[in-house]
Each structure stands twice: as structure tokens, then as C-alpha cells.
Amino acid sequence: MNTTTECIDIQVESRQVLDERLEDAVRGLQQIAMETGTQGILLTRHKPGHYTAALSDQVPFGMTRELID
């Protein structure tokens, strides 16, 4: 079963803003993940400038993985 929770949608038009938003999203998700210690972070690129950052039970705790959709 693939479960994701705490999903953050990120849509930007510049690389600098993208980097800042991704870093902010990962930091926020890390804090939430520390509470349970069971999920890692999955960053998914859906198309240029459109990403999601989410906690996922398919990613080991303490890890961040990237996926191109």
C-alpha cells in the first residue's frame, strides 16, 4: 500500500524561488516526520515548475527521494 500524507503543492516560475520553496517544504515535513519516525519525504516533479513534497511510507524515515512523474 502506498500512503502519502501532509502533501505540499509547489508551483513556481523561477529556479531560485523553486529552491527556496522546496527547502522550506522539506524542513516543515522533517519536523512532522520526527513526530512519528515512520515516513520519509517524497519530492515529485509533475512538470516544469510544478512539484509536490509529501510524507510517504514508501520512503524510509530520515530519507528524501525525488520522483519525476
PDB file of N, CA and C in Angstrom:
ATOM      1  N   MET A   1       0.838  -1.184   0.000  1.00  0.00           N
ATOM      2  CA  MET A   1       0.000   0.000   0.000  1.00  0.00           C
ATOM      3  C   MET A   1       0.879   1.241   0.000  1.00  0.00           C
ATOM      4  N   ASN A   2       0.593   2.187  -0.840  1.00  0.00           N
ATOM      5  CA  ASN A   2       1.354   3.425  -0.928  1.00  0.00           C
ATOM      6  C   ASN A   2       0.543   4.543  -0.291  1.00  0.00           C
ATOM      7  N   THR A   3       1.030   5.045   0.832  1.00  0.00           N
ATOM      8  CA  THR A   3       0.307   6.088   1.538  1.00  0.00           C
ATOM      9  C   THR A   3       1.143   7.348   1.596  1.00  0.00           C
ATOM     10  N   THR A   4       0.561   8.468   1.226  1.00  0.00           N
ATOM     11  CA  THR A   4       1.217   9.758   1.394  1.00  0.00           C
ATOM     12  C   THR A   4       0.297  10.648   2.212  1.00  0.00           C
ATOM     13  N   THR A   5       0.906  11.460   3.051  1.00  0.00           N
ATOM     14  CA  THR A   5       0.160  12.403   3.865  1.00  0.00           C
ATOM     15  C   THR A   5       0.919  13.704   3.882  1.00  0.00           C
ATOM     16  N   GLU A   6       0.283  14.728   4.399  1.00  0.00           N
ATOM     17  CA  GLU A   6       0.963  16.017   4.530  1.00  0.00           C
ATOM     18  C   GLU A   6       1.601  16.436   3.208  1.00  0.00           C
ATOM     19  N   CYS A   7       0.791  16.635   2.193  1.00  0.00           N
ATOM     20  CA  CYS A   7       1.283  16.989   0.863  1.00  0.00           C
ATOM     21  C   CYS A   7       1.308  18.506   0.685  1.00  0.00           C
ATOM     22  N   ILE A   8       2.406  19.015   0.164  1.00  0.00           N
ATOM     23  CA  ILE A   8       2.576  20.440  -0.102  1.00  0.00           C
ATOM     24  C   ILE A   8       2.734  20.625  -1.610  1.00  0.00           C
ATOM     25  N   ASP A   9       1.874  21.428  -2.193  1.00  0.00           N
ATOM     26  CA  ASP A   9       1.918  21.711  -3.622  1.00  0.00           C
ATOM     27  C   ASP A   9       2.788  22.941  -3.862  1.00  0.00           C
ATOM     28  N   ILE A  10       3.716  22.842  -4.807  1.00  0.00           N
ATOM     29  CA  ILE A  10       4.646  23.936  -5.094  1.00  0.00           C
ATOM     30  C   ILE A  10       4.571  24.249  -6.589  1.00  0.00           C
ATOM     31  N   GLN A  11       4.231  25.499  -6.915  1.00  0.00           N
ATOM     32  CA  GLN A  11       4.201  25.941  -8.305  1.00  0.00           C
ATOM     33  C   GLN A  11       4.945  27.262  -8.398  1.00  0.00           C
ATOM     34  N   VAL A  12       5.980  27.286  -9.223  1.00  0.00           N
ATOM     35  CA  VAL A  12       6.837  28.463  -9.336  1.00  0.00           C
ATOM     36  C   VAL A  12       7.236  28.690 -10.793  1.00  0.00           C
ATOM     37  N   GLU A  13       7.823  29.866 -11.030  1.00  0.00           N
ATOM     38  CA  GLU A  13       8.291  30.179 -12.383  1.00  0.00           C
ATOM     39  C   GLU A  13       9.788  30.427 -12.449  1.00  0.00           C
ATOM     40  N   SER A  14      10.481  30.477 -11.292  1.00  0.00           N
ATOM     41  CA  SER A  14      11.929  30.685 -11.342  1.00  0.00           C
ATOM     42  C   SER A  14      12.645  29.647 -10.485  1.00  0.00           C
ATOM     43  N   ARG A  15      13.847  29.310 -10.892  1.00  0.00           N
ATOM     44  CA  ARG A  15      14.639  28.296 -10.192  1.00  0.00           C
ATOM     45  C   ARG A  15      14.961  28.723  -8.759  1.00  0.00           C
ATOM     46  N   GLN A  16      15.283  29.989  -8.563  1.00  0.00           N
ATOM     47  CA  GLN A  16      15.618  30.475  -7.230  1.00  0.00           C
ATOM     48  C   GLN A  16      14.442  30.293  -6.277  1.00  0.00           C
ATOM     49  N   VAL A  17      13.263  30.668  -6.724  1.00  0.00           N
ATOM     50  CA  VAL A  17      12.070  30.523  -5.892  1.00  0.00           C
ATOM     51  C   VAL A  17      11.787  29.037  -5.647  1.00  0.00           C
ATOM     52  N   LEU A  18      11.981  28.205  -6.668  1.00  0.00           N
ATOM     53  CA  LEU A  18      11.773  26.771  -6.523  1.00  0.00           C
ATOM     54  C   LEU A  18      12.661  26.212  -5.419  1.00  0.00           C
ATOM     55  N   ASP A  19      13.941  26.528  -5.461  1.00  0.00           N
ATOM     56  CA  ASP A  19      14.872  26.027  -4.444  1.00  0.00           C
ATOM     57  C   ASP A  19      14.439  26.445  -3.045  1.00  0.00           C
ATOM     58  N   GLU A  20      14.026  27.694  -2.894  1.00  0.00           N
ATOM     59  CA  GLU A  20      13.592  28.193  -1.587  1.00  0.00           C
ATOM     60  C   GLU A  20      12.344  27.461  -1.103  1.00  0.00           C
ATOM     61  N   ARG A  21      11.381  27.289  -1.988  1.00  0.00           N
ATOM     62  CA  ARG A  21      10.122  26.635  -1.600  1.00  0.00           C
ATOM     63  C   ARG A  21      10.338  25.159  -1.280  1.00  0.00           C
ATOM     64  N   LEU A  22      11.186  24.487  -2.069  1.00  0.00           N
ATOM     65  CA  LEU A  22      11.473  23.079  -1.783  1.00  0.00           C
ATOM     66  C   LEU A  22      12.171  22.932  -0.434  1.00  0.00           C
ATOM     67  N   GLU A  23      13.141  23.791  -0.164  1.00  0.00           N
ATOM     68  CA  GLU A  23      13.839  23.734   1.123  1.00  0.00           C
ATOM     69  C   GLU A  23      12.878  23.972   2.274  1.00  0.00           C
ATOM     70  N   ASP A  24      11.992  24.955   2.151  1.00  0.00           N
ATOM     71  CA  ASP A  24      11.004  25.236   3.197  1.00  0.00           C
ATOM     72  C   ASP A  24      10.078  24.040   3.404  1.00  0.00           C
ATOM     73  N   ALA A  25       9.615  23.448   2.309  1.00  0.00           N
ATOM     74  CA  ALA A  25       8.709  22.302   2.401  1.00  0.00           C
ATOM     75  C   ALA A  25       9.393  21.118   3.088  1.00  0.00           C
ATOM     76  N   VAL A  26      10.624  20.836   2.695  1.00  0.00           N
ATOM     77  CA  VAL A  26      11.353  19.712   3.302  1.00  0.00           C
ATOM     78  C   VAL A  26      11.564  19.958   4.790  1.00  0.00           C
ATOM     79  N   ARG A  27      11.957  21.167   5.164  1.00  0.00           N
ATOM     80  CA  ARG A  27      12.150  21.472   6.600  1.00  0.00           C
ATOM     81  C   ARG A  27      10.860  21.252   7.389  1.00  0.00           C
ATOM     82  N   GLY A  28       9.746  21.731   6.852  1.00  0.00           N
ATOM     83  CA  GLY A  28       8.467  21.557   7.525  1.00  0.00           C
ATOM     84  C   GLY A  28       8.067  20.095   7.645  1.00  0.00           C
ATOM     85  N   LEU A  29       8.270  19.347   6.564  1.00  0.00           N
ATOM     86  CA  LEU A  29       7.926  17.925   6.587  1.00  0.00           C
ATOM     87  C   LEU A  29       8.854  17.135   7.509  1.00  0.00           C
ATOM     88  N   GLN A  30      10.109  17.534   7.605  1.00  0.00           N
ATOM     89  CA  GLN A  30      11.036  16.866   8.524  1.00  0.00           C
ATOM     90  C   GLN A  30      10.541  16.988   9.961  1.00  0.00           C
ATOM     91  N   GLN A  31      10.046  18.145  10.324  1.00  0.00           N
ATOM     92  CA  GLN A  31       9.534  18.342  11.682  1.00  0.00           C
ATOM     93  C   GLN A  31       8.349  17.426  11.954  1.00  0.00           C
ATOM     94  N   ILE A  32       7.446  17.307  10.989  1.00  0.00           N
ATOM     95  CA  ILE A  32       6.291  16.426  11.152  1.00  0.00           C
ATOM     96  C   ILE A  32       6.743  14.967  11.213  1.00  0.00           C
ATOM     97  N   ALA A  33       7.684  14.589  10.349  1.00  0.00           N
ATOM     98  CA  ALA A  33       8.169  13.205  10.303  1.00  0.00           C
ATOM     99  C   ALA A  33       8.832  12.799  11.624  1.00  0.00           C
ATOM    100  N   MET A  34       9.473  13.734  12.281  1.00  0.00           N
ATOM    101  CA  MET A  34      10.135  13.426  13.555  1.00  0.00           C
ATOM    102  C   MET A  34       9.131  12.977  14.618  1.00  0.00           C
ATOM    103  N   GLU A  35       7.886  13.400  14.508  1.00  0.00           N
ATOM    104  CA  GLU A  35       6.874  13.027  15.495  1.00  0.00           C
ATOM    105  C   GLU A  35       6.550  11.537  15.454  1.00  0.00           C
ATOM    106  N   THR A  36       6.546  10.944  14.254  1.00  0.00           N
ATOM    107  CA  THR A  36       6.184   9.534  14.132  1.00  0.00           C
ATOM    108  C   THR A  36       7.385   8.628  13.891  1.00  0.00           C
ATOM    109  N   GLY A  37       8.383   9.154  13.179  1.00  0.00           N
ATOM    110  CA  GLY A  37       9.577   8.358  12.884  1.00  0.00           C
ATOM    111  C   GLY A  37       9.312   7.202  11.945  1.00  0.00           C
ATOM    112  N   THR A  38       8.265   7.309  11.108  1.00  0.00           N
ATOM    113  CA  THR A  38       7.918   6.190  10.233  1.00  0.00           C
ATOM    114  C   THR A  38       7.908   6.530   8.743  1.00  0.00           C
ATOM    115  N   GLN A  39       7.952   7.807   8.387  1.00  0.00           N
ATOM    116  CA  GLN A  39       7.852   8.176   6.972  1.00  0.00           C
ATOM    117  C   GLN A  39       9.007   9.061   6.549  1.00  0.00           C
ATOM    118  N   GLY A  40       9.370   8.906   5.274  1.00  0.00           N
ATOM    119  CA  GLY A  40      10.350   9.794   4.673  1.00  0.00           C
ATOM    120  C   GLY A  40       9.647  10.821   3.813  1.00  0.00           C
ATOM    121  N   ILE A  41      10.430  11.555   3.040  1.00  0.00           N
ATOM    122  CA  ILE A  41       9.888  12.640   2.217  1.00  0.00           C
ATOM    123  C   ILE A  41      10.054  12.293   0.745  1.00  0.00           C
ATOM    124  N   LEU A  42       8.980  12.474  -0.002  1.00  0.00           N
ATOM    125  CA  LEU A  42       8.982  12.226  -1.439  1.00  0.00           C
ATOM    126  C   LEU A  42       8.729  13.542  -2.160  1.00  0.00           C
ATOM    127  N   LEU A  43       9.699  13.952  -2.987  1.00  0.00           N
ATOM    128  CA  LEU A  43       9.559  15.144  -3.830  1.00  0.00           C
ATOM    129  C   LEU A  43       9.233  14.665  -5.243  1.00  0.00           C
ATOM    130  N   THR A  44       8.123  15.126  -5.795  1.00  0.00           N
ATOM    131  CA  THR A  44       7.702  14.687  -7.122  1.00  0.00           C
ATOM    132  C   THR A  44       7.622  15.880  -8.068  1.00  0.00           C
ATOM    133  N   ARG A  45       8.289  15.741  -9.222  1.00  0.00           N
ATOM    134  CA  ARG A  45       8.206  16.767 -10.272  1.00  0.00           C
ATOM    135  C   ARG A  45       7.131  16.321 -11.246  1.00  0.00           C
ATOM    136  N   HIS A  46       6.057  17.092 -11.335  1.00  0.00           N
ATOM    137  CA  HIS A  46       4.948  16.753 -12.216  1.00  0.00           C
ATOM    138  C   HIS A  46       5.137  17.344 -13.606  1.00  0.00           C
ATOM    139  N   LYS A  47       5.675  18.554 -13.649  1.00  0.00           N
ATOM    140  CA  LYS A  47       6.016  19.234 -14.894  1.00  0.00           C
ATOM    141  C   LYS A  47       6.917  20.398 -14.489  1.00  0.00           C
ATOM    142  N   PRO A  48       7.561  21.060 -15.436  1.00  0.00           N
ATOM    143  CA  PRO A  48       8.432  22.166 -15.051  1.00  0.00           C
ATOM    144  C   PRO A  48       7.693  23.191 -14.181  1.00  0.00           C
ATOM    145  N   GLY A  49       8.280  23.466 -13.031  1.00  0.00           N
ATOM    146  CA  GLY A  49       7.709  24.458 -12.124  1.00  0.00           C
ATOM    147  C   GLY A  49       6.593  23.952 -11.234  1.00  0.00           C
ATOM    148  N   HIS A  50       6.199  22.693 -11.361  1.00  0.00           N
ATOM    149  CA  HIS A  50       5.126  22.133 -10.535  1.00  0.00           C
ATOM    150  C   HIS A  50       5.623  20.872  -9.832  1.00  0.00           C
ATOM    151  N   TYR A  51       5.700  20.968  -8.512  1.00  0.00           N
ATOM    152  CA  TYR A  51       6.205  19.890  -7.671  1.00  0.00           C
ATOM    153  C   TYR A  51       5.261  19.661  -6.498  1.00  0.00           C
ATOM    154  N   THR A  52       5.365  18.474  -5.902  1.00  0.00           N
ATOM    155  CA  THR A  52       4.747  18.239  -4.610  1.00  0.00           C
ATOM    156  C   THR A  52       5.814  17.671  -3.681  1.00  0.00           C
ATOM    157  N   ALA A  53       5.666  18.001  -2.414  1.00  0.00           N
ATOM    158  CA  ALA A  53       6.521  17.442  -1.365  1.00  0.00           C
ATOM    159  C   ALA A  53       5.580  16.790  -0.373  1.00  0.00           C
ATOM    160  N   ALA A  54       5.830  15.517  -0.043  1.00  0.00           N
ATOM    161  CA  ALA A  54       4.902  14.792   0.817  1.00  0.00           C
ATOM    162  C   ALA A  54       5.624  13.785   1.686  1.00  0.00           C
ATOM    163  N   LEU A  55       5.025  13.509   2.838  1.00  0.00           N
ATOM    164  CA  LEU A  55       5.482  12.385   3.643  1.00  0.00           C
ATOM    165  C   LEU A  55       4.959  11.121   2.981  1.00  0.00           C
ATOM    166  N   SER A  56       5.787  10.074   2.964  1.00  0.00           N
ATOM    167  CA  SER A  56       5.385   8.834   2.306  1.00  0.00           C
ATOM    168  C   SER A  56       5.920   7.635   3.076  1.00  0.00           C
ATOM    169  N   ASP A  57       5.066   6.621   3.239  1.00  0.00           N
ATOM    170  CA  ASP A  57       5.534   5.400   3.892  1.00  0.00           C
ATOM    171  C   ASP A  57       6.383   4.545   2.949  1.00  0.00           C
ATOM    172  N   GLN A  58       6.476   4.951   1.684  1.00  0.00           N
ATOM    173  CA  GLN A  58       7.314   4.238   0.720  1.00  0.00           C
ATOM    174  C   GLN A  58       8.762   4.734   0.739  1.00  0.00           C
ATOM    175  N   VAL A  59       9.016   5.775   1.524  1.00  0.00           N
ATOM    176  CA  VAL A  59      10.368   6.317   1.685  1.00  0.00           C
ATOM    177  C   VAL A  59      10.765   6.093   3.140  1.00  0.00           C
ATOM    178  N   PRO A  60      11.923   5.474   3.377  1.00  0.00           N
ATOM    179  CA  PRO A  60      12.327   5.222   4.761  1.00  0.00           C
ATOM    180  C   PRO A  60      12.494   6.520   5.558  1.00  0.00           C
ATOM    181  N   PHE A  61      12.158   6.436   6.831  1.00  0.00           N
ATOM    182  CA  PHE A  61      12.326   7.574   7.727  1.00  0.00           C
ATOM    183  C   PHE A  61      13.769   8.075   7.653  1.00  0.00           C
ATOM    184  N   GLY A  62      13.924   9.391   7.598  1.00  0.00           N
ATOM    185  CA  GLY A  62      15.251  10.001   7.531  1.00  0.00           C
ATOM    186  C   GLY A  62      15.769  10.200   6.119  1.00  0.00           C
ATOM    187  N   MET A  63      15.011   9.744   5.118  1.00  0.00           N
ATOM    188  CA  MET A  63      15.432   9.851   3.732  1.00  0.00           C
ATOM    189  C   MET A  63      14.518  10.803   2.971  1.00  0.00           C
ATOM    190  N   THR A  64      15.068  11.398   1.906  1.00  0.00           N
ATOM    191  CA  THR A  64      14.290  12.194   0.961  1.00  0.00           C
ATOM    192  C   THR A  64      14.570  11.631  -0.416  1.00  0.00           C
ATOM    193  N   ARG A  65      13.520  11.319  -1.164  1.00  0.00           N
ATOM    194  CA  ARG A  65      13.677  10.798  -2.517  1.00  0.00           C
ATOM    195  C   ARG A  65      12.986  11.709  -3.501  1.00  0.00           C
ATOM    196  N   GLU A  66      13.494  11.704  -4.734  1.00  0.00           N
ATOM    197  CA  GLU A  66      12.918  12.508  -5.805  1.00  0.00           C
ATOM    198  C   GLU A  66      12.310  11.591  -6.849  1.00  0.00           C
ATOM    199  N   LEU A  67      11.183  12.019  -7.407  1.00  0.00           N
ATOM    200  CA  LEU A  67      10.482  11.251  -8.426  1.00  0.00           C
ATOM    201  C   LEU A  67      10.057  12.204  -9.529  1.00  0.00           C
ATOM    202  N   ILE A  68      10.249  11.786 -10.768  1.00  0.00           N
ATOM    203  CA  ILE A  68       9.735  12.552 -11.915  1.00  0.00           C
ATOM    204  C   ILE A  68       8.509  11.827 -12.411  1.00  0.00           C
ATOM    205  N   ASP A  69       7.384  12.501 -12.340  1.00  0.00           N
ATOM    206  CA  ASP A  69       6.100  11.908 -12.692  1.00  0.00           C
ATOM    207  C   ASP A  69       5.864  11.985 -14.176  1.00  0.00           C
TER     208      ASP A  69
END
